[in-house]
Amino acid sequence: MEERTCSSAKSLSLVETPSAHKIANPNSNRYFVLLQLETGIRWRRQSFRIFWKWKSGSTPGRPAIPQTQINVIKQMATENPLWGAPRIHGELLKLGIDISESTVLRHMPKKAPKTTKQRWKTFLKNRSAQIVSIDFLVVPTITFKLLYAWSFSHTIDAGSFITI
């Protein structure tokens, strides 16, 4: 589209459309288009996206690796649980499979969290005979005097308490 300036505003007639205004010159068969600012910016952004999508190729991101390589990674990780991503990556390079270590790590099966830690409930159950609870209380009365009390609790077994 050519941009031209018009010298005589009287010879132009205005035709309105939803996003632009066309100005027809009765002396020629050319139109001048007056756009709203938002329309021009939107068109520019759309053409910019289309151009760079065409320029950058068909699909964005890394190329996908074949499913057979993913299966090899999973097989090596399950058969050798002590091997990490660097070791498996090195073995794959020896086999002639050239992929990055981060790709190996991404396709390795996730390991379950270690459950060797003792849970809080197990800790309390195992040590219930040694646990003593002591509390100091201040109790205000109706006459605003203060009563002081000590409270001792000791467990006999897992479910019963002695309060002194």
N, C-alpha and C. Protein backbone atom coordinates (compact mmCIF):
# COMPACT_ATOMS: atom_id res chain seq x y z
N MET A 1 0.86 -1.17 0.00
CA MET A 1 0.00 0.00 0.00
C MET A 1 0.90 1.23 0.00
N GLU A 2 0.63 2.16 -0.86
CA GLU A 2 1.42 3.39 -0.95
C GLU A 2 0.86 4.42 -0.01
N GLU A 3 1.75 5.20 0.57
CA GLU A 3 1.31 6.30 1.42
C GLU A 3 1.48 7.59 0.65
N ARG A 4 0.43 8.36 0.51
CA ARG A 4 0.49 9.64 -0.20
C ARG A 4 -0.26 10.67 0.62
N THR A 5 0.15 11.87 0.47
CA THR A 5 -0.55 12.96 1.14
C THR A 5 -1.48 13.62 0.15
N CYS A 6 -2.54 14.12 0.67
CA CYS A 6 -3.54 14.75 -0.19
C CYS A 6 -3.44 16.26 -0.04
N SER A 7 -3.40 17.00 -1.15
CA SER A 7 -3.23 18.45 -1.08
C SER A 7 -4.56 19.17 -0.94
N SER A 8 -5.61 18.61 -1.50
CA SER A 8 -6.91 19.30 -1.39
C SER A 8 -7.88 18.43 -0.62
N ALA A 9 -8.26 18.88 0.55
CA ALA A 9 -9.17 18.12 1.40
C ALA A 9 -10.60 18.21 0.89
N LYS A 10 -10.94 19.22 0.06
CA LYS A 10 -12.31 19.37 -0.42
C LYS A 10 -12.68 18.30 -1.43
N SER A 11 -11.72 17.79 -2.19
CA SER A 11 -12.03 16.84 -3.25
C SER A 11 -12.12 15.39 -2.74
N LEU A 12 -12.03 15.16 -1.43
CA LEU A 12 -12.07 13.82 -0.87
C LEU A 12 -13.41 13.57 -0.21
N SER A 13 -13.91 12.34 -0.34
CA SER A 13 -15.13 11.96 0.37
C SER A 13 -14.79 10.85 1.35
N LEU A 14 -15.41 10.84 2.52
CA LEU A 14 -15.08 9.92 3.60
C LEU A 14 -16.08 8.76 3.63
N VAL A 15 -15.56 7.50 3.62
CA VAL A 15 -16.40 6.31 3.72
C VAL A 15 -15.96 5.58 4.99
N GLU A 16 -16.87 5.34 5.96
CA GLU A 16 -16.50 4.74 7.24
C GLU A 16 -16.68 3.22 7.21
N THR A 17 -15.70 2.51 7.80
CA THR A 17 -15.77 1.07 8.03
C THR A 17 -15.48 0.85 9.51
N PRO A 18 -15.69 -0.36 10.06
CA PRO A 18 -15.51 -0.56 11.50
C PRO A 18 -14.09 -0.26 12.01
N SER A 19 -13.03 -0.63 11.27
CA SER A 19 -11.69 -0.45 11.80
C SER A 19 -10.89 0.63 11.06
N ALA A 20 -11.39 1.12 9.95
CA ALA A 20 -10.62 2.10 9.18
C ALA A 20 -11.57 3.04 8.45
N HIS A 21 -11.04 4.11 8.00
CA HIS A 21 -11.79 5.07 7.20
C HIS A 21 -11.14 5.16 5.83
N LYS A 22 -11.92 4.94 4.78
CA LYS A 22 -11.39 5.04 3.42
C LYS A 22 -11.76 6.42 2.87
N ILE A 23 -10.80 7.05 2.31
CA ILE A 23 -11.04 8.34 1.69
C ILE A 23 -10.89 8.16 0.18
N ALA A 24 -11.96 8.41 -0.54
CA ALA A 24 -11.94 8.24 -2.00
C ALA A 24 -11.69 9.58 -2.66
N ASN A 25 -10.80 9.59 -3.62
CA ASN A 25 -10.51 10.79 -4.39
C ASN A 25 -11.31 10.70 -5.69
N PRO A 26 -12.23 11.62 -5.92
CA PRO A 26 -13.06 11.53 -7.13
C PRO A 26 -12.24 11.73 -8.42
N ASN A 27 -11.07 12.33 -8.33
CA ASN A 27 -10.27 12.57 -9.52
C ASN A 27 -9.44 11.35 -9.92
N SER A 28 -9.32 10.34 -9.05
CA SER A 28 -8.57 9.14 -9.40
C SER A 28 -9.28 7.92 -8.79
N ASN A 29 -8.80 6.75 -9.14
CA ASN A 29 -9.43 5.54 -8.61
C ASN A 29 -8.67 4.99 -7.40
N ARG A 30 -7.86 5.78 -6.75
CA ARG A 30 -7.08 5.34 -5.59
C ARG A 30 -7.81 5.73 -4.29
N TYR A 31 -7.55 4.90 -3.27
CA TYR A 31 -8.11 5.17 -1.95
C TYR A 31 -6.99 5.45 -0.98
N PHE A 32 -7.24 6.30 -0.03
CA PHE A 32 -6.35 6.51 1.10
C PHE A 32 -7.05 5.92 2.32
N VAL A 33 -6.31 5.20 3.14
CA VAL A 33 -6.91 4.55 4.30
C VAL A 33 -6.39 5.22 5.56
N LEU A 34 -7.32 5.70 6.38
CA LEU A 34 -6.97 6.24 7.68
C LEU A 34 -7.31 5.17 8.72
N LEU A 35 -6.34 4.75 9.49
CA LEU A 35 -6.53 3.68 10.48
C LEU A 35 -6.54 4.24 11.88
N GLN A 36 -7.21 3.51 12.75
CA GLN A 36 -7.06 3.81 14.16
C GLN A 36 -5.69 3.29 14.59
N LEU A 37 -5.11 3.90 15.59
CA LEU A 37 -3.78 3.54 16.03
C LEU A 37 -3.72 2.07 16.48
N GLU A 38 -4.72 1.60 17.22
CA GLU A 38 -4.73 0.22 17.70
C GLU A 38 -4.77 -0.78 16.53
N THR A 39 -5.50 -0.45 15.47
CA THR A 39 -5.59 -1.33 14.31
C THR A 39 -4.24 -1.46 13.62
N GLY A 40 -3.55 -0.36 13.43
CA GLY A 40 -2.24 -0.39 12.81
C GLY A 40 -1.23 -1.18 13.63
N ILE A 41 -1.27 -0.99 14.95
CA ILE A 41 -0.35 -1.73 15.82
C ILE A 41 -0.67 -3.21 15.79
N ARG A 42 -1.97 -3.56 15.82
CA ARG A 42 -2.37 -4.97 15.78
C ARG A 42 -1.92 -5.62 14.47
N TRP A 43 -2.12 -4.94 13.34
CA TRP A 43 -1.70 -5.49 12.05
C TRP A 43 -0.18 -5.67 12.01
N ARG A 44 0.55 -4.73 12.57
CA ARG A 44 2.01 -4.81 12.57
C ARG A 44 2.47 -6.01 13.41
N ARG A 45 1.87 -6.20 14.57
CA ARG A 45 2.22 -7.33 15.43
C ARG A 45 1.90 -8.67 14.76
N GLN A 46 0.73 -8.75 14.10
CA GLN A 46 0.36 -9.98 13.41
C GLN A 46 1.34 -10.30 12.29
N SER A 47 1.71 -9.29 11.51
CA SER A 47 2.64 -9.54 10.41
C SER A 47 4.02 -9.90 10.95
N PHE A 48 4.43 -9.31 12.07
CA PHE A 48 5.70 -9.64 12.70
C PHE A 48 5.70 -11.10 13.15
N ARG A 49 4.61 -11.57 13.80
CA ARG A 49 4.51 -12.97 14.24
C ARG A 49 4.55 -13.93 13.05
N ILE A 50 3.83 -13.62 12.00
CA ILE A 50 3.79 -14.48 10.81
C ILE A 50 5.17 -14.56 10.18
N PHE A 51 5.86 -13.42 10.07
CA PHE A 51 7.19 -13.41 9.47
C PHE A 51 8.16 -14.27 10.26
N TRP A 52 8.20 -14.12 11.59
CA TRP A 52 9.18 -14.86 12.38
C TRP A 52 8.82 -16.32 12.52
N LYS A 53 7.54 -16.65 12.45
CA LYS A 53 7.16 -18.06 12.44
C LYS A 53 7.66 -18.71 11.15
N TRP A 54 7.53 -18.01 10.04
CA TRP A 54 8.03 -18.52 8.77
C TRP A 54 9.56 -18.59 8.79
N LYS A 55 10.22 -17.58 9.33
CA LYS A 55 11.67 -17.48 9.32
C LYS A 55 12.32 -18.53 10.22
N SER A 56 11.67 -18.85 11.36
CA SER A 56 12.31 -19.74 12.33
C SER A 56 12.08 -21.21 12.04
N GLY A 57 11.24 -21.55 11.12
CA GLY A 57 11.03 -22.97 10.79
C GLY A 57 9.66 -23.44 11.23
N SER A 58 9.44 -24.74 11.09
CA SER A 58 8.09 -25.27 11.31
C SER A 58 7.75 -25.46 12.77
N THR A 59 8.65 -26.07 13.56
CA THR A 59 8.30 -26.35 14.95
C THR A 59 9.32 -25.72 15.88
N PRO A 60 8.86 -25.08 16.95
CA PRO A 60 9.79 -24.50 17.90
C PRO A 60 10.33 -25.55 18.85
N GLY A 61 11.46 -25.27 19.48
CA GLY A 61 12.00 -26.16 20.49
C GLY A 61 12.99 -27.16 19.95
N ARG A 62 13.38 -28.05 20.83
CA ARG A 62 14.35 -29.08 20.46
C ARG A 62 13.69 -30.15 19.60
N PRO A 63 14.47 -30.80 18.75
CA PRO A 63 13.89 -31.92 18.02
C PRO A 63 13.63 -33.09 18.97
N ALA A 64 12.57 -33.81 18.74
CA ALA A 64 12.21 -34.93 19.60
C ALA A 64 13.16 -36.10 19.36
N ILE A 65 13.44 -36.85 20.44
CA ILE A 65 14.28 -38.03 20.28
C ILE A 65 13.38 -39.23 20.07
N PRO A 66 13.87 -40.25 19.36
CA PRO A 66 13.02 -41.42 19.08
C PRO A 66 12.64 -42.17 20.36
N GLN A 67 11.50 -42.83 20.30
CA GLN A 67 10.99 -43.58 21.45
C GLN A 67 11.94 -44.72 21.84
N THR A 68 12.66 -45.28 20.87
CA THR A 68 13.60 -46.36 21.17
C THR A 68 14.71 -45.87 22.10
N GLN A 69 15.18 -44.64 21.90
CA GLN A 69 16.21 -44.08 22.77
C GLN A 69 15.66 -43.83 24.17
N ILE A 70 14.41 -43.39 24.25
CA ILE A 70 13.78 -43.19 25.56
C ILE A 70 13.67 -44.52 26.30
N ASN A 71 13.30 -45.57 25.56
CA ASN A 71 13.20 -46.90 26.17
C ASN A 71 14.56 -47.40 26.67
N VAL A 72 15.63 -47.11 25.91
CA VAL A 72 16.98 -47.50 26.33
C VAL A 72 17.36 -46.78 27.63
N ILE A 73 17.04 -45.49 27.71
CA ILE A 73 17.35 -44.71 28.92
C ILE A 73 16.61 -45.30 30.12
N LYS A 74 15.32 -45.60 29.96
CA LYS A 74 14.53 -46.15 31.07
C LYS A 74 15.04 -47.54 31.46
N GLN A 75 15.41 -48.34 30.49
CA GLN A 75 15.91 -49.69 30.78
C GLN A 75 17.22 -49.61 31.55
N MET A 76 18.14 -48.74 31.11
CA MET A 76 19.42 -48.61 31.80
C MET A 76 19.24 -48.09 33.22
N ALA A 77 18.30 -47.17 33.42
CA ALA A 77 18.08 -46.61 34.74
C ALA A 77 17.46 -47.63 35.69
N THR A 78 16.55 -48.47 35.20
CA THR A 78 15.92 -49.46 36.08
C THR A 78 16.85 -50.63 36.37
N GLU A 79 17.66 -51.02 35.41
CA GLU A 79 18.57 -52.14 35.63
C GLU A 79 19.79 -51.75 36.45
N ASN A 80 20.12 -50.48 36.48
CA ASN A 80 21.28 -49.98 37.23
C ASN A 80 20.82 -48.83 38.12
N PRO A 81 20.20 -49.11 39.26
CA PRO A 81 19.60 -48.03 40.07
C PRO A 81 20.63 -47.07 40.66
N LEU A 82 21.88 -47.45 40.75
CA LEU A 82 22.90 -46.56 41.31
C LEU A 82 23.48 -45.61 40.27
N TRP A 83 23.18 -45.82 39.01
CA TRP A 83 23.68 -44.94 37.96
C TRP A 83 22.82 -43.70 37.90
N GLY A 84 23.47 -42.58 37.77
CA GLY A 84 22.75 -41.33 37.57
C GLY A 84 22.77 -40.93 36.11
N ALA A 85 22.31 -39.72 35.85
CA ALA A 85 22.25 -39.23 34.47
C ALA A 85 23.64 -39.12 33.83
N PRO A 86 24.69 -38.68 34.55
CA PRO A 86 26.00 -38.59 33.88
C PRO A 86 26.53 -39.94 33.42
N ARG A 87 26.33 -40.96 34.25
CA ARG A 87 26.84 -42.29 33.88
C ARG A 87 26.05 -42.85 32.69
N ILE A 88 24.73 -42.73 32.73
CA ILE A 88 23.91 -43.23 31.62
C ILE A 88 24.23 -42.46 30.34
N HIS A 89 24.45 -41.15 30.47
CA HIS A 89 24.80 -40.33 29.30
C HIS A 89 26.11 -40.83 28.70
N GLY A 90 27.10 -41.14 29.55
CA GLY A 90 28.37 -41.66 29.05
C GLY A 90 28.22 -42.99 28.35
N GLU A 91 27.40 -43.88 28.90
CA GLU A 91 27.17 -45.18 28.27
C GLU A 91 26.45 -45.02 26.93
N LEU A 92 25.52 -44.08 26.85
CA LEU A 92 24.82 -43.84 25.58
C LEU A 92 25.77 -43.30 24.52
N LEU A 93 26.72 -42.46 24.94
CA LEU A 93 27.71 -41.95 23.98
C LEU A 93 28.58 -43.09 23.45
N LYS A 94 28.90 -44.05 24.33
CA LYS A 94 29.68 -45.22 23.88
C LYS A 94 28.90 -46.06 22.87
N LEU A 95 27.56 -46.06 23.02
CA LEU A 95 26.72 -46.80 22.08
C LEU A 95 26.46 -46.03 20.79
N GLY A 96 26.91 -44.78 20.73
CA GLY A 96 26.71 -43.97 19.52
C GLY A 96 25.44 -43.15 19.55
N ILE A 97 24.80 -43.06 20.69
CA ILE A 97 23.58 -42.24 20.82
C ILE A 97 24.01 -40.90 21.39
N ASP A 98 23.90 -39.86 20.57
CA ASP A 98 24.39 -38.54 20.95
C ASP A 98 23.22 -37.65 21.38
N ILE A 99 22.93 -37.66 22.67
CA ILE A 99 21.91 -36.77 23.24
C ILE A 99 22.52 -36.12 24.48
N SER A 100 21.92 -35.05 24.93
CA SER A 100 22.49 -34.32 26.06
C SER A 100 22.16 -35.00 27.38
N GLU A 101 22.94 -34.65 28.39
CA GLU A 101 22.74 -35.22 29.72
C GLU A 101 21.41 -34.77 30.32
N SER A 102 21.01 -33.53 30.02
CA SER A 102 19.73 -33.05 30.55
C SER A 102 18.56 -33.81 29.93
N THR A 103 18.68 -34.25 28.69
CA THR A 103 17.65 -35.06 28.06
C THR A 103 17.57 -36.43 28.73
N VAL A 104 18.73 -36.99 29.06
CA VAL A 104 18.76 -38.27 29.76
C VAL A 104 18.06 -38.12 31.11
N LEU A 105 18.38 -37.05 31.83
CA LEU A 105 17.77 -36.82 33.14
C LEU A 105 16.26 -36.65 33.04
N ARG A 106 15.80 -35.96 31.99
CA ARG A 106 14.38 -35.72 31.82
C ARG A 106 13.61 -37.01 31.56
N HIS A 107 14.24 -37.98 30.90
CA HIS A 107 13.54 -39.22 30.55
C HIS A 107 13.81 -40.37 31.52
N MET A 108 14.64 -40.14 32.53
CA MET A 108 14.86 -41.18 33.53
C MET A 108 13.62 -41.31 34.40
N PRO A 109 13.27 -42.53 34.83
CA PRO A 109 12.10 -42.67 35.70
C PRO A 109 12.37 -42.01 37.05
N LYS A 110 11.33 -41.43 37.59
CA LYS A 110 11.44 -40.76 38.88
C LYS A 110 11.55 -41.79 39.98
N LYS A 111 12.46 -41.56 40.91
CA LYS A 111 12.64 -42.49 42.02
C LYS A 111 11.69 -42.11 43.15
N ALA A 112 11.19 -43.11 43.84
CA ALA A 112 10.32 -42.88 44.98
C ALA A 112 11.13 -42.27 46.11
N PRO A 113 10.52 -41.41 46.91
CA PRO A 113 11.27 -40.83 48.02
C PRO A 113 11.68 -41.89 49.03
N LYS A 114 12.84 -41.69 49.63
CA LYS A 114 13.33 -42.66 50.60
C LYS A 114 12.45 -42.62 51.86
N THR A 115 12.05 -43.78 52.32
CA THR A 115 11.18 -43.87 53.49
C THR A 115 11.94 -44.39 54.71
N THR A 116 13.26 -44.22 54.74
CA THR A 116 14.04 -44.68 55.87
C THR A 116 13.90 -43.76 57.07
N LYS A 117 13.39 -42.56 56.87
CA LYS A 117 13.21 -41.65 57.98
C LYS A 117 12.09 -42.13 58.88
N GLN A 118 12.28 -41.91 60.15
CA GLN A 118 11.26 -42.31 61.11
C GLN A 118 10.20 -41.22 61.16
N ARG A 119 8.97 -41.60 61.09
CA ARG A 119 7.86 -40.66 61.15
C ARG A 119 7.63 -40.22 62.60
N TRP A 120 6.97 -39.09 62.75
CA TRP A 120 6.70 -38.54 64.08
C TRP A 120 5.83 -39.49 64.90
N LYS A 121 4.84 -40.09 64.30
CA LYS A 121 3.96 -41.01 65.01
C LYS A 121 4.75 -42.22 65.52
N THR A 122 5.65 -42.76 64.71
CA THR A 122 6.48 -43.89 65.11
C THR A 122 7.41 -43.49 66.25
N PHE A 123 7.98 -42.29 66.16
CA PHE A 123 8.86 -41.79 67.21
C PHE A 123 8.11 -41.74 68.55
N LEU A 124 6.90 -41.18 68.57
CA LEU A 124 6.14 -41.08 69.82
C LEU A 124 5.76 -42.46 70.35
N LYS A 125 5.39 -43.37 69.46
CA LYS A 125 5.01 -44.71 69.88
C LYS A 125 6.19 -45.46 70.49
N ASN A 126 7.37 -45.32 69.89
CA ASN A 126 8.55 -46.02 70.39
C ASN A 126 9.06 -45.46 71.72
N ARG A 127 8.84 -44.19 71.95
CA ARG A 127 9.38 -43.55 73.15
C ARG A 127 8.32 -43.10 74.13
N SER A 128 7.13 -43.66 74.03
CA SER A 128 6.03 -43.22 74.91
C SER A 128 6.32 -43.50 76.37
N ALA A 129 7.07 -44.53 76.70
CA ALA A 129 7.37 -44.83 78.11
C ALA A 129 8.34 -43.82 78.70
N GLN A 130 9.14 -43.15 77.88
CA GLN A 130 10.12 -42.19 78.39
C GLN A 130 9.63 -40.75 78.35
N ILE A 131 8.46 -40.50 77.80
CA ILE A 131 7.98 -39.13 77.63
C ILE A 131 7.27 -38.67 78.89
N VAL A 132 7.67 -37.49 79.36
CA VAL A 132 7.03 -36.86 80.51
C VAL A 132 6.65 -35.45 80.07
N SER A 133 5.45 -35.06 80.40
CA SER A 133 4.97 -33.72 80.06
C SER A 133 4.82 -32.93 81.35
N ILE A 134 5.40 -31.73 81.39
CA ILE A 134 5.32 -30.88 82.58
C ILE A 134 4.79 -29.53 82.13
N ASP A 135 3.87 -28.97 82.95
CA ASP A 135 3.28 -27.68 82.62
C ASP A 135 3.09 -26.88 83.90
N PHE A 136 3.29 -25.59 83.81
CA PHE A 136 3.06 -24.68 84.93
C PHE A 136 1.86 -23.81 84.57
N LEU A 137 0.86 -23.79 85.45
CA LEU A 137 -0.38 -23.07 85.17
C LEU A 137 -0.60 -21.95 86.16
N VAL A 138 -1.15 -20.86 85.70
CA VAL A 138 -1.61 -19.76 86.55
C VAL A 138 -3.10 -19.63 86.28
N VAL A 139 -3.91 -19.85 87.36
CA VAL A 139 -5.36 -19.85 87.21
C VAL A 139 -5.93 -18.69 88.02
N PRO A 140 -6.56 -17.68 87.38
CA PRO A 140 -7.20 -16.61 88.15
C PRO A 140 -8.57 -17.08 88.68
N THR A 141 -8.88 -16.72 89.91
CA THR A 141 -10.16 -17.09 90.51
C THR A 141 -11.17 -15.98 90.29
N ILE A 142 -12.42 -16.21 90.82
CA ILE A 142 -13.46 -15.19 90.68
C ILE A 142 -13.11 -13.95 91.50
N THR A 143 -12.43 -14.13 92.59
CA THR A 143 -12.05 -12.99 93.44
C THR A 143 -10.73 -12.37 93.00
N PHE A 144 -10.27 -12.72 91.83
CA PHE A 144 -9.05 -12.18 91.21
C PHE A 144 -7.77 -12.56 91.97
N LYS A 145 -7.80 -13.66 92.69
CA LYS A 145 -6.58 -14.20 93.28
C LYS A 145 -5.98 -15.17 92.27
N LEU A 146 -4.71 -15.36 92.34
CA LEU A 146 -4.03 -16.25 91.41
C LEU A 146 -3.65 -17.54 92.12
N LEU A 147 -3.97 -18.65 91.47
CA LEU A 147 -3.56 -19.97 91.95
C LEU A 147 -2.49 -20.49 91.00
N TYR A 148 -1.42 -21.03 91.58
CA TYR A 148 -0.33 -21.58 90.79
C TYR A 148 -0.38 -23.09 90.88
N ALA A 149 -0.19 -23.77 89.74
CA ALA A 149 -0.26 -25.23 89.75
C ALA A 149 0.79 -25.80 88.80
N TRP A 150 1.32 -26.96 89.18
CA TRP A 150 2.20 -27.75 88.34
C TRP A 150 1.40 -28.94 87.85
N SER A 151 1.60 -29.28 86.58
CA SER A 151 0.93 -30.46 86.03
C SER A 151 1.98 -31.37 85.43
N PHE A 152 1.97 -32.64 85.86
CA PHE A 152 2.90 -33.66 85.34
C PHE A 152 2.08 -34.75 84.68
N SER A 153 2.48 -35.17 83.48
CA SER A 153 1.83 -36.29 82.80
C SER A 153 2.90 -37.27 82.34
N HIS A 154 2.61 -38.54 82.52
CA HIS A 154 3.54 -39.59 82.12
C HIS A 154 2.73 -40.70 81.48
N THR A 155 3.24 -41.27 80.40
CA THR A 155 2.50 -42.34 79.72
C THR A 155 2.91 -43.67 80.26
N ILE A 156 1.92 -44.53 80.50
CA ILE A 156 2.18 -45.90 80.95
C ILE A 156 2.41 -46.78 79.74
N ASP A 157 1.49 -46.72 78.80
CA ASP A 157 1.66 -47.42 77.52
C ASP A 157 1.19 -46.48 76.43
N ALA A 158 0.97 -47.00 75.25
CA ALA A 158 0.69 -46.14 74.09
C ALA A 158 -0.58 -45.33 74.22
N GLY A 159 -1.55 -45.75 75.03
CA GLY A 159 -2.82 -45.04 75.05
C GLY A 159 -3.22 -44.40 76.35
N SER A 160 -2.62 -44.74 77.50
CA SER A 160 -3.11 -44.22 78.77
C SER A 160 -2.09 -43.28 79.41
N PHE A 161 -2.59 -42.27 80.13
CA PHE A 161 -1.75 -41.25 80.75
C PHE A 161 -2.01 -41.23 82.25
N ILE A 162 -1.01 -40.84 83.02
CA ILE A 162 -1.16 -40.57 84.44
C ILE A 162 -0.92 -39.09 84.61
N THR A 163 -1.85 -38.38 85.25
CA THR A 163 -1.69 -36.96 85.51
C THR A 163 -1.59 -36.75 87.01
N ILE A 164 -0.58 -36.00 87.41
CA ILE A 164 -0.38 -35.73 88.83
C ILE A 164 -0.63 -34.26 89.09
